[in-house]
């Protein structure tokens, strides 16, 4: 601890990302990365770029990428989305940070589930917002009635993390309708693996903001791109914050990669289908091994075994070259979060589990 740290930095407990060990080669099923590479169009575009242009600043408005994203969603939801309804950030975590800075005053309340993405409490603490955690039920599901008529903004990860369970679109809409004076932020990092996006609601309601990322379904965790969609007034607020903070948040390479990713919809859909199919096959095998597996609409699963405690299983898998995610937290300390890899990787994972369970 340095004497120069301010009081907030001295007291805050930072977010802990998934392990990225370099001691040996692991099958990485711990950070929800996509097992498949980005679209070949993305790779070829990066290779063909004139890198001498890196001496120049990128477009601060990220206009071309915003237009491509707007066009994509206009076609997807059969309703007009404009580039003025799109905000682009350096990964969805940065977008979420900008949301806290833009829409919360110090002392405001923010509501979210007691079990959810563990960055939310960090942001609440960092920006002096009062967190109010609403317990999931015993099946780890969100009970939407508990989110009606609240006196603070709401954040819901859909599908939720680390539980993998998704709300239906009409359930999300009920929360939005029952909080007309509060912002409902829907964090859709995993939505493309089986849930329905709330982007359909951004023209219907002025109090919804949808956050998505390139890191999961678009295989670009290493690029760092995220975006939000909402009404023009909401997005204008985020841009006011951005241009008071850092005008050039997105670099030239990321912009071009993002554009090409959205252009290759065939590859995007194909890889998502492969992951979903692998997930379902893996779930079936795990259940035969005696695991409880929560219903997943994500590129990961949340599992528990009644004969082997999760922390022990996590350690044993790591010793055998397989990384999964363990959370030593109330209610979920006997569960493991397992990213869906390739068929080959999941086959090895199942084989390792069979061997460990036989001991």
Protein backbone atom coordinates (compact mmCIF):
# COMPACT_ATOMS: atom_id res chain seq x y z
CA UNK A 1 0.00 0.00 0.00
CA UNK A 2 1.37 3.39 -1.02
CA UNK A 3 0.96 6.53 1.04
CA UNK A 4 -0.19 8.19 -2.19
CA UNK A 5 -3.26 6.00 -2.66
CA UNK A 6 -6.56 7.75 -2.07
CA UNK A 7 -9.03 6.44 0.50
CA UNK A 8 -11.18 4.63 -2.08
CA UNK A 9 -8.24 2.71 -3.54
CA UNK A 10 -7.10 1.73 -0.05
CA UNK A 11 -10.46 0.20 0.83
CA UNK A 12 -11.78 -1.22 -2.43
CA UNK A 13 -11.71 -4.94 -3.24
CA UNK A 14 -10.97 -5.21 -6.99
CA UNK A 15 -12.65 -7.67 -9.34
CA UNK A 16 -10.81 -10.98 -9.61
CA UNK A 17 -10.59 -12.22 -13.23
CA UNK A 18 -10.32 -15.88 -14.14
CA UNK A 19 -6.91 -17.48 -13.95
CA UNK A 20 -4.56 -17.06 -16.89
CA UNK A 21 -1.70 -19.34 -15.70
CA UNK A 22 1.46 -19.76 -17.74
CA UNK A 23 3.12 -22.61 -15.83
CA UNK A 24 1.87 -25.25 -18.27
CA UNK A 25 -0.66 -25.86 -21.01
CA UNK A 26 -4.22 -26.19 -19.75
CA UNK A 27 -7.59 -26.86 -21.27
CA UNK A 28 -9.10 -23.49 -20.34
CA UNK A 29 -12.73 -23.82 -19.37
CA UNK A 30 -12.63 -21.04 -16.79
CA UNK A 31 -13.09 -17.65 -18.48
CA UNK A 32 -15.96 -18.21 -20.94
CA UNK A 33 -13.81 -17.54 -23.98
CA UNK A 34 -15.02 -18.84 -27.32
CA UNK A 35 -13.14 -22.03 -28.33
CA UNK A 36 -13.25 -21.03 -31.99
CA UNK A 37 -11.18 -18.30 -33.67
CA UNK A 38 -12.67 -15.06 -34.99
CA UNK A 39 -14.16 -15.02 -38.47
CA UNK A 40 -11.58 -15.46 -41.21
CA UNK A 41 -12.80 -12.12 -42.56
CA UNK A 42 -11.68 -10.48 -39.32
CA UNK A 43 -8.27 -12.11 -39.54
CA UNK A 44 -7.78 -11.23 -43.20
CA UNK A 45 -8.86 -7.64 -42.63
CA UNK A 46 -6.33 -7.17 -39.85
CA UNK A 47 -3.59 -8.70 -42.00
CA UNK A 48 -4.42 -6.40 -44.90
CA UNK A 49 -4.54 -3.16 -42.89
CA UNK A 50 -2.08 -0.39 -43.62
CA UNK A 51 -0.38 -0.35 -40.25
CA UNK A 52 1.30 2.95 -41.06
CA UNK A 53 -2.11 4.49 -40.38
CA UNK A 54 -1.60 3.65 -36.70
CA UNK A 55 0.28 6.94 -36.46
CA UNK A 56 -3.14 8.61 -36.80
CA UNK A 57 -5.86 8.79 -34.17
CA UNK A 58 -8.92 6.55 -34.77
CA UNK A 59 -12.39 7.96 -35.38
CA UNK A 60 -13.55 9.21 -31.96
CA UNK A 61 -17.20 8.63 -32.92
CA UNK A 62 -16.53 5.06 -34.11
CA UNK A 63 -19.14 5.93 -36.72
CA UNK A 64 -18.67 3.11 -39.24
CA UNK A 65 -18.83 0.38 -36.62
CA UNK A 66 -21.86 2.02 -34.98
CA UNK A 67 -23.64 2.09 -38.34
CA UNK A 68 -22.88 -1.59 -38.99
CA UNK A 69 -24.18 -2.57 -35.54
CA UNK A 70 -27.31 -0.45 -36.04
CA UNK A 71 -27.99 -2.00 -39.44
CA UNK A 72 -27.52 -5.51 -38.05
CA UNK A 73 -30.04 -5.00 -35.27
CA UNK A 74 -32.47 -3.15 -37.52
CA UNK A 75 -32.64 -6.28 -39.66
CA UNK A 76 -32.69 -8.62 -36.70
CA UNK A 77 -35.58 -6.99 -34.82
CA UNK A 78 -37.37 -5.67 -37.92
CA UNK A 79 -37.36 -2.15 -36.49
CA UNK A 80 -35.20 0.87 -37.21
CA UNK A 81 -32.09 1.25 -35.06
CA UNK A 82 -29.81 4.19 -35.84
CA UNK A 83 -26.13 4.74 -35.10
CA UNK A 84 -27.22 7.35 -32.54
CA UNK A 85 -28.66 4.47 -30.50
CA UNK A 86 -25.30 2.67 -30.31
CA UNK A 87 -22.48 3.35 -27.85
CA UNK A 88 -19.17 1.53 -28.29
CA UNK A 89 -16.60 0.95 -25.57
CA UNK A 90 -13.35 -0.85 -24.87
CA UNK A 91 -15.05 -4.07 -23.80
CA UNK A 92 -18.44 -4.34 -22.12
CA UNK A 93 -16.82 -3.92 -18.69
CA UNK A 94 -15.78 -0.40 -19.68
CA UNK A 95 -19.28 0.23 -21.03
CA UNK A 96 -20.71 -0.84 -17.66
CA UNK A 97 -18.28 1.49 -15.86
CA UNK A 98 -19.40 4.38 -18.08
CA UNK A 99 -23.02 3.50 -17.26
CA UNK A 100 -22.34 3.81 -13.54
CA UNK A 101 -20.58 7.14 -14.05
CA UNK A 102 -23.31 8.52 -16.34
CA UNK A 103 -26.54 7.49 -14.65
CA UNK A 104 -25.78 7.18 -10.93
CA UNK A 105 -25.17 9.91 -8.40
CA UNK A 106 -23.20 9.14 -5.26
CA UNK A 107 -25.58 7.59 -2.75
CA UNK A 108 -28.06 6.31 -5.36
CA UNK A 109 -29.29 2.73 -5.09
CA UNK A 110 -28.60 -0.01 -7.64
CA UNK A 111 -30.51 -3.29 -7.57
CA UNK A 112 -29.23 -6.63 -8.85
CA UNK A 113 -29.38 -10.33 -7.86
CA UNK A 114 -27.39 -11.59 -4.89
CA UNK A 115 -25.70 -14.06 -7.22
CA UNK A 116 -24.59 -12.42 -10.45
CA UNK A 117 -21.59 -10.94 -12.28
CA UNK A 118 -19.11 -10.04 -9.56
CA UNK A 119 -18.01 -6.79 -11.24
CA UNK A 120 -21.29 -5.08 -10.27
CA UNK A 121 -20.41 -4.81 -6.54
CA UNK A 122 -16.97 -3.48 -7.47
CA UNK A 123 -18.47 -0.70 -9.58
CA UNK A 124 -21.04 0.10 -6.90
CA UNK A 125 -18.26 0.50 -4.35
CA UNK A 126 -15.98 2.42 -6.70
CA UNK A 127 -18.65 4.96 -7.66
CA UNK A 128 -20.21 5.24 -4.17
CA UNK A 129 -23.51 3.66 -5.16
CA UNK A 130 -25.56 1.71 -2.59
CA UNK A 131 -26.00 -1.87 -3.77
CA UNK A 132 -29.21 -3.67 -2.92
CA UNK A 133 -29.02 -7.40 -3.60
CA UNK A 134 -32.26 -9.24 -4.36
CA UNK A 135 -31.94 -12.97 -3.56
CA UNK A 136 -32.42 -15.53 -6.28
CA UNK A 137 -34.85 -18.28 -5.33
CA UNK A 138 -33.67 -21.74 -4.26
CA UNK A 139 -33.43 -22.77 -7.91
CA UNK A 140 -31.13 -19.79 -8.59
CA UNK A 141 -33.82 -18.06 -10.66
CA UNK A 142 -34.71 -14.37 -10.71
CA UNK A 143 -38.21 -13.72 -9.37
CA UNK A 144 -39.29 -10.76 -11.44
CA UNK A 145 -41.98 -9.50 -9.02
CA UNK A 146 -39.21 -8.59 -6.58
CA UNK A 147 -37.97 -6.06 -9.17
CA UNK A 148 -41.23 -4.13 -9.53
CA UNK A 149 -41.56 -0.53 -8.31
CA UNK A 150 -38.00 -0.03 -7.10
CA UNK A 151 -36.40 3.26 -6.09
CA UNK A 152 -33.13 2.79 -7.94
CA UNK A 153 -31.73 1.63 -11.27
CA UNK A 154 -31.56 -2.11 -11.99
CA UNK A 155 -28.88 -4.32 -13.56
CA UNK A 156 -29.74 -7.81 -14.75
CA UNK A 157 -27.31 -10.12 -16.49
CA UNK A 158 -29.36 -12.17 -18.94
CA UNK A 159 -28.40 -15.00 -19.07
CA UNK A 160 -27.22 -14.58 -15.50
CA UNK A 161 -23.64 -15.32 -14.55
CA UNK A 162 -22.45 -17.60 -13.11
CA UNK A 163 -25.76 -19.48 -12.97
CA UNK A 164 -26.33 -19.58 -16.78
CA UNK A 165 -30.12 -19.20 -16.37
CA UNK A 166 -31.99 -16.73 -18.60
CA UNK A 167 -35.18 -14.76 -18.19
CA UNK A 168 -37.67 -14.71 -21.05
CA UNK A 169 -38.09 -11.48 -22.97
CA UNK A 170 -41.60 -10.91 -21.64
CA UNK A 171 -40.21 -11.19 -18.09
CA UNK A 172 -37.58 -8.57 -18.83
CA UNK A 173 -40.32 -6.37 -20.29
CA UNK A 174 -42.41 -6.69 -17.13
CA UNK A 175 -39.47 -5.38 -15.07
CA UNK A 176 -39.05 -2.47 -17.49
CA UNK A 177 -42.78 -1.64 -17.48
CA UNK A 178 -42.93 -1.71 -13.69
CA UNK A 179 -40.03 0.72 -13.27
CA UNK A 180 -40.84 3.59 -15.67
CA UNK A 181 -38.70 6.09 -13.75
CA UNK A 182 -35.67 3.81 -13.34
CA UNK A 183 -33.11 2.64 -15.87
CA UNK A 184 -33.10 -1.12 -16.47
CA UNK A 185 -29.68 -2.25 -17.69
CA UNK A 186 -29.71 -5.66 -19.35
CA UNK A 187 -26.21 -7.14 -19.56
CA UNK A 188 -26.36 -9.61 -22.46
CA UNK A 189 -22.80 -10.92 -22.64
CA UNK A 190 -24.10 -14.46 -23.28
CA UNK A 191 -27.42 -13.79 -24.98
CA UNK A 192 -26.47 -15.37 -28.33
CA UNK A 193 -26.23 -18.87 -26.84
CA UNK A 194 -29.93 -19.39 -26.22
CA UNK A 195 -31.65 -16.32 -24.76
CA UNK A 196 -33.72 -13.58 -26.42
CA UNK A 197 -32.28 -10.08 -26.62
CA UNK A 198 -34.00 -7.06 -25.10
CA UNK A 199 -32.81 -4.94 -28.04
CA UNK A 200 -36.36 -5.45 -29.34
CA UNK A 201 -37.51 -3.16 -26.54
CA UNK A 202 -35.23 -0.14 -27.00
CA UNK A 203 -37.68 1.70 -29.29
CA UNK A 204 -40.67 0.80 -27.14
CA UNK A 205 -39.32 2.01 -23.78
CA UNK A 206 -37.05 4.92 -22.89
CA UNK A 207 -35.72 3.29 -19.71
CA UNK A 208 -33.90 0.23 -21.08
CA UNK A 209 -30.22 -0.04 -21.95
CA UNK A 210 -28.84 -3.26 -23.46
CA UNK A 211 -25.13 -4.12 -23.17
CA UNK A 212 -23.42 -6.69 -25.40
CA UNK A 213 -19.84 -7.75 -26.13
CA UNK A 214 -17.61 -9.11 -28.89
CA UNK A 215 -15.76 -11.29 -26.36
CA UNK A 216 -18.03 -14.34 -26.26
CA UNK A 217 -20.16 -15.18 -29.29
CA UNK A 218 -17.92 -13.21 -31.66
CA UNK A 219 -14.67 -14.87 -30.52
CA UNK A 220 -12.87 -11.58 -29.90
CA UNK A 221 -12.05 -11.47 -26.18
CA UNK A 222 -8.53 -10.38 -27.09
CA UNK A 223 -9.70 -7.34 -29.08
CA UNK A 224 -11.72 -5.63 -26.29
CA UNK A 225 -14.95 -4.36 -27.81
CA UNK A 226 -18.33 -3.90 -26.22
CA UNK A 227 -21.39 -1.80 -26.97
CA UNK A 228 -24.70 -0.62 -25.62
CA UNK A 229 -28.02 0.05 -27.34
CA UNK A 230 -30.82 2.28 -26.09
CA UNK A 231 -32.73 5.45 -26.86
CA UNK A 232 -30.82 8.36 -28.41
CA UNK A 233 -31.10 10.33 -25.17
CA UNK A 234 -29.53 7.53 -23.12
CA UNK A 235 -26.70 7.04 -25.62
CA UNK A 236 -26.09 10.79 -25.75
CA UNK A 237 -25.45 10.71 -22.01
CA UNK A 238 -22.85 7.98 -22.40
CA UNK A 239 -21.13 9.94 -25.16
CA UNK A 240 -21.03 13.07 -22.99
CA UNK A 241 -19.23 11.04 -20.35
CA UNK A 242 -16.88 9.41 -22.85
CA UNK A 243 -15.84 12.74 -24.40
CA UNK A 244 -15.18 14.09 -20.92
CA UNK A 245 -12.99 11.08 -20.13
CA UNK A 246 -11.24 9.70 -23.22
CA UNK A 247 -12.23 10.65 -26.77
CA UNK A 248 -10.34 7.78 -28.40
CA UNK A 249 -11.46 4.66 -26.55
CA UNK A 250 -11.44 2.34 -29.58
CA UNK A 251 -8.30 1.77 -31.66
CA UNK A 252 -8.16 1.44 -35.45
CA UNK A 253 -7.54 -2.31 -35.48
CA UNK A 254 -10.48 -3.03 -33.16
CA UNK A 255 -12.82 -0.89 -35.24
CA UNK A 256 -12.00 -2.77 -38.45
CA UNK A 257 -12.18 -6.15 -36.71
CA UNK A 258 -15.58 -5.28 -35.27
CA UNK A 259 -16.98 -4.24 -38.65
CA UNK A 260 -15.84 -7.46 -40.33
CA UNK A 261 -17.23 -9.58 -37.50
CA UNK A 262 -20.71 -8.16 -37.99
CA UNK A 263 -20.45 -8.63 -41.74
CA UNK A 264 -19.83 -12.38 -41.38
CA UNK A 265 -23.14 -13.41 -39.89
CA UNK A 266 -22.93 -16.93 -41.34
CA UNK A 267 -19.79 -17.73 -39.33
CA UNK A 268 -21.22 -16.08 -36.22
CA UNK A 269 -24.36 -18.24 -36.33
CA UNK A 270 -22.47 -21.42 -37.21
CA UNK A 271 -20.07 -21.23 -34.26
CA UNK A 272 -22.88 -20.39 -31.85
CA UNK A 273 -24.82 -23.46 -32.97
CA UNK A 274 -21.73 -25.63 -32.49
CA UNK A 275 -21.27 -24.37 -28.94
CA UNK A 276 -24.92 -24.94 -28.08
CA UNK A 277 -24.78 -28.49 -29.48
CA UNK A 278 -21.59 -29.25 -27.54
CA UNK A 279 -23.17 -27.81 -24.39
CA UNK A 280 -26.21 -30.07 -24.65
CA UNK A 281 -24.10 -33.18 -25.24
CA UNK A 282 -21.90 -32.29 -22.28
CA UNK A 283 -24.91 -31.69 -20.01
CA UNK A 284 -26.28 -35.13 -20.88
CA UNK A 285 -22.97 -36.81 -20.01
CA UNK A 286 -22.60 -34.88 -16.76
CA UNK A 287 -26.05 -35.87 -15.58
CA UNK A 288 -25.16 -39.52 -16.15
CA UNK A 289 -22.16 -38.95 -13.86
CA UNK A 290 -24.46 -37.72 -11.12
CA UNK A 291 -24.02 -33.98 -11.58
CA UNK A 292 -26.72 -31.41 -11.04
CA UNK A 293 -26.62 -29.02 -14.01
CA UNK A 294 -28.61 -25.80 -14.07
CA UNK A 295 -30.51 -24.97 -17.26
CA UNK A 296 -28.07 -23.04 -19.43
CA UNK A 297 -28.65 -20.43 -22.11
CA UNK A 298 -24.98 -19.43 -22.06
CA UNK A 299 -21.63 -20.74 -23.33
CA UNK A 300 -21.00 -22.20 -19.88
CA UNK A 301 -22.72 -24.47 -17.39
CA UNK A 302 -23.06 -24.39 -13.60
CA UNK A 303 -22.64 -27.80 -12.02
CA UNK A 304 -22.58 -29.51 -8.63
CA UNK A 305 -21.99 -33.07 -7.39
CA UNK A 306 -23.35 -34.43 -4.14
CA UNK A 307 -20.38 -36.73 -3.48
CA UNK A 308 -17.39 -34.48 -4.27
CA UNK A 309 -17.17 -30.92 -2.99
CA UNK A 310 -16.66 -28.31 -5.71
CA UNK A 311 -13.45 -26.84 -4.30
CA UNK A 312 -11.83 -30.29 -4.20
CA UNK A 313 -12.97 -31.07 -7.72
CA UNK A 314 -11.64 -27.72 -8.95
CA UNK A 315 -8.19 -28.46 -7.47
CA UNK A 316 -8.11 -32.01 -8.82
CA UNK A 317 -9.10 -30.89 -12.31
CA UNK A 318 -6.39 -28.20 -12.26
CA UNK A 319 -3.81 -30.79 -11.26
CA UNK A 320 -4.97 -32.81 -14.27
CA UNK A 321 -4.62 -29.92 -16.71
CA UNK A 322 -8.22 -28.64 -16.82
CA UNK A 323 -9.15 -25.17 -15.54
CA UNK A 324 -12.70 -24.39 -14.44
CA UNK A 325 -14.01 -21.52 -12.29
CA UNK A 326 -14.72 -21.88 -8.58
CA UNK A 327 -16.39 -19.17 -6.49
CA UNK A 328 -15.89 -19.41 -2.73
CA UNK A 329 -19.11 -17.51 -2.05
CA UNK A 330 -22.26 -18.14 -0.05
CA UNK A 331 -24.88 -20.35 -1.71
CA UNK A 332 -22.66 -21.29 -4.68
CA UNK A 333 -19.52 -22.64 -2.97
CA UNK A 334 -20.41 -26.19 -4.02
CA UNK A 335 -20.74 -25.30 -7.71
CA UNK A 336 -18.29 -25.04 -10.60
CA UNK A 337 -18.71 -22.85 -13.65
CA UNK A 338 -17.50 -24.66 -16.75
CA UNK A 339 -16.99 -22.94 -20.10
CA UNK A 340 -18.06 -24.91 -23.16
CA UNK A 341 -15.03 -25.68 -25.31
CA UNK A 342 -14.70 -27.77 -28.44
CA UNK A 343 -16.08 -31.31 -28.58
CA UNK A 344 -12.53 -32.60 -28.08
CA UNK A 345 -11.91 -30.38 -25.03
CA UNK A 346 -15.21 -31.33 -23.43
CA UNK A 347 -14.47 -34.99 -24.11
CA UNK A 348 -11.21 -34.68 -22.17
CA UNK A 349 -13.04 -32.81 -19.39
CA UNK A 350 -15.59 -35.63 -19.07
CA UNK A 351 -12.84 -38.26 -19.14
CA UNK A 352 -10.94 -36.48 -16.35
CA UNK A 353 -14.12 -36.27 -14.27
CA UNK A 354 -14.84 -39.98 -14.74
CA UNK A 355 -11.36 -40.85 -13.52
CA UNK A 356 -11.59 -38.52 -10.52
CA UNK A 357 -15.03 -39.76 -9.50
CA UNK A 358 -13.83 -43.38 -9.59
CA UNK A 359 -11.14 -42.73 -6.97
